[in-house]
């Protein structure tokens, strides 16, 4: 953990595992799409895509 991690949102943490967990809580579809496209870790990108898909399906159903 970097010292700067204290001052940034969890989805911007230096640890990819922390970012993956943070993505699971996000509801902002624009932010999730940005993370899915731009994160350095492919696992975080995939987690963001999956979360985005789940949110979009939920919106369509309700």
N, C-alpha and C. Protein backbone atom coordinates (compact mmCIF):
# COMPACT_ATOMS: atom_id res chain seq x y z
N UNK A 1 0.84 -1.17 0.00
CA UNK A 1 0.00 0.00 0.00
C UNK A 1 0.88 1.23 0.00
N UNK A 2 0.55 2.12 -0.90
CA UNK A 2 1.27 3.38 -0.97
C UNK A 2 0.63 4.40 -0.04
N UNK A 3 1.42 5.33 0.41
CA UNK A 3 0.91 6.40 1.27
C UNK A 3 -0.22 7.15 0.56
N UNK A 4 -0.07 7.37 -0.73
CA UNK A 4 -1.07 8.13 -1.48
C UNK A 4 -2.41 7.40 -1.56
N UNK A 5 -2.43 6.09 -1.33
CA UNK A 5 -3.67 5.32 -1.36
C UNK A 5 -4.67 5.78 -0.30
N UNK A 6 -4.17 6.43 0.72
CA UNK A 6 -5.04 6.94 1.79
C UNK A 6 -5.93 8.06 1.26
N UNK A 7 -5.47 8.78 0.27
CA UNK A 7 -6.14 9.99 -0.20
C UNK A 7 -6.94 9.82 -1.48
N UNK A 8 -7.00 8.63 -2.03
CA UNK A 8 -7.73 8.42 -3.29
C UNK A 8 -8.89 7.45 -3.06
N UNK A 9 -9.90 7.50 -3.93
CA UNK A 9 -10.99 6.52 -3.83
C UNK A 9 -10.43 5.10 -4.03
N UNK A 10 -11.10 4.13 -3.48
CA UNK A 10 -10.60 2.75 -3.55
C UNK A 10 -10.46 2.24 -4.97
N UNK A 11 -11.28 2.73 -5.88
CA UNK A 11 -11.16 2.26 -7.26
C UNK A 11 -9.90 2.81 -7.93
N UNK A 12 -9.20 3.72 -7.26
CA UNK A 12 -7.93 4.25 -7.76
C UNK A 12 -6.74 3.75 -6.95
N UNK A 13 -6.96 2.83 -6.04
CA UNK A 13 -5.90 2.29 -5.18
C UNK A 13 -4.81 1.64 -6.03
N UNK A 14 -3.61 1.59 -5.52
CA UNK A 14 -2.50 0.98 -6.27
C UNK A 14 -2.60 -0.54 -6.32
N UNK A 15 -3.36 -1.13 -5.41
CA UNK A 15 -3.51 -2.58 -5.34
C UNK A 15 -4.71 -3.02 -6.20
N UNK A 16 -4.47 -3.84 -7.22
CA UNK A 16 -5.57 -4.27 -8.10
C UNK A 16 -6.68 -5.03 -7.36
N UNK A 17 -6.35 -5.76 -6.31
CA UNK A 17 -7.37 -6.49 -5.56
C UNK A 17 -8.32 -5.52 -4.85
N UNK A 18 -7.78 -4.45 -4.34
CA UNK A 18 -8.61 -3.42 -3.70
C UNK A 18 -9.51 -2.76 -4.75
N UNK A 19 -8.97 -2.49 -5.92
CA UNK A 19 -9.76 -1.89 -7.01
C UNK A 19 -10.87 -2.83 -7.44
N UNK A 20 -10.61 -4.13 -7.53
CA UNK A 20 -11.66 -5.09 -7.91
C UNK A 20 -12.80 -5.06 -6.91
N UNK A 21 -12.47 -5.06 -5.63
CA UNK A 21 -13.51 -5.03 -4.59
C UNK A 21 -14.30 -3.72 -4.67
N UNK A 22 -13.62 -2.63 -4.95
CA UNK A 22 -14.29 -1.33 -5.05
C UNK A 22 -15.25 -1.29 -6.23
N UNK A 23 -14.85 -1.90 -7.33
CA UNK A 23 -15.69 -1.93 -8.53
C UNK A 23 -17.02 -2.62 -8.23
N UNK A 24 -17.00 -3.62 -7.38
CA UNK A 24 -18.22 -4.35 -7.04
C UNK A 24 -19.25 -3.48 -6.32
N UNK A 25 -18.83 -2.37 -5.78
CA UNK A 25 -19.74 -1.48 -5.04
C UNK A 25 -20.19 -0.29 -5.88
N UNK A 26 -19.53 -0.03 -6.98
CA UNK A 26 -19.85 1.14 -7.79
C UNK A 26 -21.18 0.98 -8.50
N UNK A 27 -21.88 2.10 -8.65
CA UNK A 27 -23.15 2.11 -9.39
C UNK A 27 -23.12 3.09 -10.55
N UNK A 28 -22.04 3.84 -10.65
CA UNK A 28 -21.88 4.84 -11.70
C UNK A 28 -21.44 4.14 -12.99
N UNK A 29 -22.37 4.03 -13.94
CA UNK A 29 -22.07 3.27 -15.16
C UNK A 29 -21.00 3.95 -16.02
N UNK A 30 -20.96 5.27 -16.01
CA UNK A 30 -19.93 5.98 -16.78
C UNK A 30 -18.54 5.70 -16.20
N UNK A 31 -18.45 5.73 -14.90
CA UNK A 31 -17.17 5.45 -14.24
C UNK A 31 -16.76 3.99 -14.47
N UNK A 32 -17.71 3.08 -14.37
CA UNK A 32 -17.39 1.67 -14.61
C UNK A 32 -16.90 1.45 -16.04
N UNK A 33 -17.53 2.10 -16.99
CA UNK A 33 -17.09 1.98 -18.39
C UNK A 33 -15.67 2.52 -18.56
N UNK A 34 -15.38 3.61 -17.89
CA UNK A 34 -14.02 4.18 -17.96
C UNK A 34 -13.00 3.23 -17.34
N UNK A 35 -13.32 2.65 -16.21
CA UNK A 35 -12.42 1.71 -15.56
C UNK A 35 -12.22 0.49 -16.44
N UNK A 36 -13.30 0.00 -17.03
CA UNK A 36 -13.23 -1.18 -17.90
C UNK A 36 -12.30 -0.95 -19.09
N UNK A 37 -12.23 0.27 -19.56
CA UNK A 37 -11.40 0.59 -20.71
C UNK A 37 -9.96 0.97 -20.35
N UNK A 38 -9.76 1.57 -19.18
CA UNK A 38 -8.48 2.22 -18.94
C UNK A 38 -7.64 1.65 -17.80
N UNK A 39 -8.17 0.76 -16.98
CA UNK A 39 -7.38 0.28 -15.85
C UNK A 39 -6.17 -0.52 -16.36
N UNK A 40 -5.09 -0.44 -15.63
CA UNK A 40 -3.85 -1.13 -16.00
C UNK A 40 -3.93 -2.64 -15.82
N UNK A 41 -4.82 -3.08 -14.94
CA UNK A 41 -4.93 -4.51 -14.63
C UNK A 41 -6.12 -5.12 -15.38
N UNK A 42 -5.86 -6.17 -16.13
CA UNK A 42 -6.93 -6.79 -16.92
C UNK A 42 -8.02 -7.38 -16.04
N UNK A 43 -7.67 -7.84 -14.84
CA UNK A 43 -8.67 -8.37 -13.92
C UNK A 43 -9.63 -7.31 -13.44
N UNK A 44 -9.12 -6.12 -13.22
CA UNK A 44 -9.97 -5.00 -12.80
C UNK A 44 -10.88 -4.59 -13.97
N UNK A 45 -10.33 -4.56 -15.17
CA UNK A 45 -11.13 -4.24 -16.36
C UNK A 45 -12.28 -5.23 -16.50
N UNK A 46 -11.97 -6.49 -16.35
CA UNK A 46 -12.99 -7.53 -16.47
C UNK A 46 -14.05 -7.40 -15.37
N UNK A 47 -13.63 -7.15 -14.16
CA UNK A 47 -14.57 -6.97 -13.04
C UNK A 47 -15.49 -5.77 -13.31
N UNK A 48 -14.94 -4.70 -13.86
CA UNK A 48 -15.74 -3.51 -14.17
C UNK A 48 -16.75 -3.82 -15.27
N UNK A 49 -16.33 -4.59 -16.29
CA UNK A 49 -17.25 -4.96 -17.36
C UNK A 49 -18.39 -5.81 -16.85
N UNK A 50 -18.06 -6.78 -16.00
CA UNK A 50 -19.09 -7.65 -15.44
C UNK A 50 -20.07 -6.86 -14.57
N UNK A 51 -19.55 -5.96 -13.75
CA UNK A 51 -20.41 -5.14 -12.90
C UNK A 51 -21.31 -4.25 -13.76
N UNK A 52 -20.75 -3.69 -14.80
CA UNK A 52 -21.52 -2.85 -15.71
C UNK A 52 -22.63 -3.66 -16.37
N UNK A 53 -22.31 -4.86 -16.82
CA UNK A 53 -23.32 -5.74 -17.42
C UNK A 53 -24.45 -6.04 -16.44
N UNK A 54 -24.09 -6.36 -15.20
CA UNK A 54 -25.11 -6.67 -14.19
C UNK A 54 -26.02 -5.47 -13.92
N UNK A 55 -25.43 -4.28 -13.85
CA UNK A 55 -26.23 -3.08 -13.61
C UNK A 55 -27.16 -2.79 -14.79
N UNK A 56 -26.69 -3.00 -15.99
CA UNK A 56 -27.50 -2.73 -17.17
C UNK A 56 -28.64 -3.73 -17.29
N UNK A 57 -28.40 -4.99 -16.94
CA UNK A 57 -29.45 -6.00 -16.96
C UNK A 57 -30.50 -5.66 -15.90
N UNK A 58 -30.04 -5.24 -14.74
CA UNK A 58 -30.95 -4.89 -13.66
C UNK A 58 -31.84 -3.71 -14.06
N UNK A 59 -31.28 -2.73 -14.75
CA UNK A 59 -32.06 -1.58 -15.21
C UNK A 59 -33.10 -1.99 -16.25
N UNK A 60 -32.77 -2.93 -17.09
CA UNK A 60 -33.68 -3.38 -18.14
C UNK A 60 -34.84 -4.17 -17.56
N UNK A 61 -34.56 -4.94 -16.53
CA UNK A 61 -35.58 -5.80 -15.91
C UNK A 61 -36.57 -4.96 -15.11
N UNK A 62 -36.09 -3.93 -14.45
CA UNK A 62 -36.99 -3.14 -13.58
C UNK A 62 -37.70 -2.05 -14.29
